[in-house]
Amino acid sequence: MPFVKLRVLLTSSLLAVGPALLLTMPAHAQTAAEAALLAGGCVGCHGVSGQGGHGIPSIRDTQSRADFVATMQAFRANQREATVMGRISRGYTEAEITSLAAFYARAQ
C-alpha cells in the first residue's frame, strides 16, 4: 500500500512540475524533451523505440524526416489507407509532426 501511494505521489508531482521544467531548459533540450513526450503517444502501437511488430510497421529509422512528415500529412488528408492513423495524425499540429519526424526519422 505505501508503494502505491508513493507512486501516485511521484506521478502527480511529475505531471504538475513537468511543464515548468520544460520552461527552464535550453531551447534544443526543450525540443528533444517535447519530441520524447509526443513520441509517448506512439509507444502503445509502435513500441518503445518505434520498432513496430505484430502487423504494426516500424517508424524508427525507416524514413527521412521529409518522408515521415509526408506520410503523416497523407494520413491526415485520408490519402493513405489506415485503420486509426488518420484520426491520430489529425491530433498533431504541423510543428508536432516535425518534432516527431526528427525523433523517429533515420539520420540524414
C-alpha atoms as a PDB file:
ATOM      1  CA  MET A   1       0.000   0.000   0.000  1.00  0.00           C
ATOM      2  CA  PRO A   2       2.733   2.586   0.804  1.00  0.00           C
ATOM      3  CA  PHE A   3       4.419   1.843  -2.559  1.00  0.00           C
ATOM      4  CA  VAL A   4       1.196   2.637  -4.437  1.00  0.00           C
ATOM      5  CA  LYS A   5       0.813   5.923  -2.551  1.00  0.00           C
ATOM      6  CA  LEU A   6       4.440   6.841  -3.304  1.00  0.00           C
ATOM      7  CA  ARG A   7       3.993   6.035  -6.984  1.00  0.00           C
ATOM      8  CA  VAL A   8       0.825   8.136  -7.173  1.00  0.00           C
ATOM      9  CA  LEU A   9       2.575  10.999  -5.386  1.00  0.00           C
ATOM     10  CA  LEU A  10       5.600  10.851  -7.708  1.00  0.00           C
ATOM     11  CA  THR A  11       3.434  10.633 -10.824  1.00  0.00           C
ATOM     12  CA  SER A  12       1.213  13.535  -9.803  1.00  0.00           C
ATOM     13  CA  SER A  13       4.275  15.599  -8.858  1.00  0.00           C
ATOM     14  CA  LEU A  14       5.882  14.957 -12.233  1.00  0.00           C
ATOM     15  CA  LEU A  15       2.688  15.903 -14.031  1.00  0.00           C
ATOM     16  CA  ALA A  16       2.458  19.108 -12.031  1.00  0.00           C
ATOM     17  CA  VAL A  17       6.124  20.099 -12.337  1.00  0.00           C
ATOM     18  CA  GLY A  18       6.956  18.655 -15.779  1.00  0.00           C
ATOM     19  CA  PRO A  19       5.699  21.596 -17.871  1.00  0.00           C
ATOM     20  CA  ALA A  20       7.571  24.049 -15.640  1.00  0.00           C
ATOM     21  CA  LEU A  21      10.776  22.075 -16.145  1.00  0.00           C
ATOM     22  CA  LEU A  22      10.402  22.447 -19.899  1.00  0.00           C
ATOM     23  CA  LEU A  23      10.360  26.222 -19.499  1.00  0.00           C
ATOM     24  CA  THR A  24      13.718  26.207 -17.712  1.00  0.00           C
ATOM     25  CA  MET A  25      15.518  24.056 -20.299  1.00  0.00           C
ATOM     26  CA  PRO A  26      17.584  25.384 -23.201  1.00  0.00           C
ATOM     27  CA  ALA A  27      15.660  25.509 -26.495  1.00  0.00           C
ATOM     28  CA  HIS A  28      17.391  22.467 -28.023  1.00  0.00           C
ATOM     29  CA  ALA A  29      16.703  20.424 -24.890  1.00  0.00           C
ATOM     30  CA  GLN A  30      13.076  21.570 -24.887  1.00  0.00           C
ATOM     31  CA  THR A  31      12.687  20.373 -28.456  1.00  0.00           C
ATOM     32  CA  ALA A  32      14.150  16.968 -27.605  1.00  0.00           C
ATOM     33  CA  ALA A  33      12.065  16.694 -24.443  1.00  0.00           C
ATOM     34  CA  GLU A  34       8.888  17.736 -26.253  1.00  0.00           C
ATOM     35  CA  ALA A  35       9.570  15.226 -29.034  1.00  0.00           C
ATOM     36  CA  ALA A  36      10.059  12.476 -26.465  1.00  0.00           C
ATOM     37  CA  LEU A  37       6.763  13.433 -24.805  1.00  0.00           C
ATOM     38  CA  LEU A  38       4.980  13.413 -28.169  1.00  0.00           C
ATOM     39  CA  ALA A  39       6.527  10.056 -29.039  1.00  0.00           C
ATOM     40  CA  GLY A  40       4.886   8.633 -25.930  1.00  0.00           C
ATOM     41  CA  GLY A  41       1.653   8.615 -27.913  1.00  0.00           C
ATOM     42  CA  CYS A  42       3.231   6.273 -30.475  1.00  0.00           C
ATOM     43  CA  VAL A  43       4.545   3.737 -27.960  1.00  0.00           C
ATOM     44  CA  GLY A  44       1.296   1.845 -27.466  1.00  0.00           C
ATOM     45  CA  CYS A  45       1.260   0.576 -31.047  1.00  0.00           C
ATOM     46  CA  HIS A  46       4.740   1.113 -32.471  1.00  0.00           C
ATOM     47  CA  GLY A  47       6.718   0.074 -29.372  1.00  0.00           C
ATOM     48  CA  VAL A  48       9.072   1.864 -27.018  1.00  0.00           C
ATOM     49  CA  SER A  49      11.700   2.550 -29.668  1.00  0.00           C
ATOM     50  CA  GLY A  50       9.321   2.670 -32.650  1.00  0.00           C
ATOM     51  CA  GLN A  51      10.284  -0.828 -33.748  1.00  0.00           C
ATOM     52  CA  GLY A  52       6.732  -1.936 -34.586  1.00  0.00           C
ATOM     53  CA  GLY A  53       5.766  -5.599 -34.688  1.00  0.00           C
ATOM     54  CA  HIS A  54       2.736  -7.860 -34.949  1.00  0.00           C
ATOM     55  CA  GLY A  55       1.495  -6.121 -38.092  1.00  0.00           C
ATOM     56  CA  ILE A  56       2.365  -2.607 -36.909  1.00  0.00           C
ATOM     57  CA  PRO A  57       5.115  -1.044 -39.049  1.00  0.00           C
ATOM     58  CA  SER A  58       8.381   0.245 -37.643  1.00  0.00           C
ATOM     59  CA  ILE A  59       8.636   4.030 -37.573  1.00  0.00           C
ATOM     60  CA  ARG A  60      12.205   4.221 -36.235  1.00  0.00           C
ATOM     61  CA  ASP A  61      14.946   4.914 -38.798  1.00  0.00           C
ATOM     62  CA  THR A  62      12.812   3.808 -41.757  1.00  0.00           C
ATOM     63  CA  GLN A  63      12.130   7.144 -43.467  1.00  0.00           C
ATOM     64  CA  SER A  64      13.755  10.517 -43.920  1.00  0.00           C
ATOM     65  CA  ARG A  65      12.268  13.432 -41.995  1.00  0.00           C
ATOM     66  CA  ALA A  66      10.570  14.714 -45.138  1.00  0.00           C
ATOM     67  CA  ASP A  67       9.082  11.288 -45.870  1.00  0.00           C
ATOM     68  CA  PHE A  68       7.870  10.923 -42.272  1.00  0.00           C
ATOM     69  CA  VAL A  69       6.134  14.310 -42.479  1.00  0.00           C
ATOM     70  CA  ALA A  70       4.657  13.465 -45.893  1.00  0.00           C
ATOM     71  CA  THR A  71       3.342  10.150 -44.541  1.00  0.00           C
ATOM     72  CA  MET A  72       1.681  11.836 -41.562  1.00  0.00           C
ATOM     73  CA  GLN A  73       0.179  14.501 -43.830  1.00  0.00           C
ATOM     74  CA  ALA A  74      -1.171  11.789 -46.135  1.00  0.00           C
ATOM     75  CA  PHE A  75      -2.794  10.082 -43.129  1.00  0.00           C
ATOM     76  CA  ARG A  76      -4.303  13.436 -42.061  1.00  0.00           C
ATOM     77  CA  ALA A  77      -5.775  14.002 -45.525  1.00  0.00           C
ATOM     78  CA  ASN A  78      -7.087  10.416 -45.794  1.00  0.00           C
ATOM     79  CA  GLN A  79      -4.812   9.905 -48.795  1.00  0.00           C
ATOM     80  CA  ARG A  80      -3.116   6.896 -47.220  1.00  0.00           C
ATOM     81  CA  GLU A  81      -5.050   3.848 -46.133  1.00  0.00           C
ATOM     82  CA  ALA A  82      -5.048   3.289 -42.391  1.00  0.00           C
ATOM     83  CA  THR A  83      -7.113   1.942 -39.555  1.00  0.00           C
ATOM     84  CA  VAL A  84      -6.504   4.588 -36.874  1.00  0.00           C
ATOM     85  CA  MET A  85      -3.595   6.696 -38.132  1.00  0.00           C
ATOM     86  CA  GLY A  86      -5.896   9.118 -39.965  1.00  0.00           C
ATOM     87  CA  ARG A  87      -7.592  10.054 -36.706  1.00  0.00           C
ATOM     88  CA  ILE A  88      -4.359  10.018 -34.702  1.00  0.00           C
ATOM     89  CA  SER A  89      -2.441  12.177 -37.180  1.00  0.00           C
ATOM     90  CA  ARG A  90      -5.163  14.837 -37.140  1.00  0.00           C
ATOM     91  CA  GLY A  91      -4.457  15.278 -33.421  1.00  0.00           C
ATOM     92  CA  TYR A  92      -0.966  16.653 -34.085  1.00  0.00           C
ATOM     93  CA  THR A  93      -0.027  20.147 -35.228  1.00  0.00           C
ATOM     94  CA  GLU A  94       2.446  20.621 -38.093  1.00  0.00           C
ATOM     95  CA  ALA A  95       5.133  21.569 -35.556  1.00  0.00           C
ATOM     96  CA  GLU A  96       4.459  18.409 -33.543  1.00  0.00           C
ATOM     97  CA  ILE A  97       4.672  16.248 -36.669  1.00  0.00           C
ATOM     98  CA  THR A  98       8.001  17.894 -37.481  1.00  0.00           C
ATOM     99  CA  SER A  99       9.229  17.114 -33.950  1.00  0.00           C
ATOM    100  CA  LEU A 100       8.129  13.505 -34.284  1.00  0.00           C
ATOM    101  CA  ALA A 101       9.892  13.279 -37.644  1.00  0.00           C
ATOM    102  CA  ALA A 102      13.116  14.494 -36.037  1.00  0.00           C
ATOM    103  CA  PHE A 103      12.679  11.971 -33.226  1.00  0.00           C
ATOM    104  CA  TYR A 104      11.893   8.914 -35.369  1.00  0.00           C
ATOM    105  CA  ALA A 105      13.394   9.577 -38.805  1.00  0.00           C
ATOM    106  CA  ARG A 106      16.649   7.964 -39.860  1.00  0.00           C
ATOM    107  CA  ALA A 107      19.815  10.002 -39.550  1.00  0.00           C
ATOM    108  CA  GLN A 108      20.467  12.061 -42.648  1.00  0.00           C
END
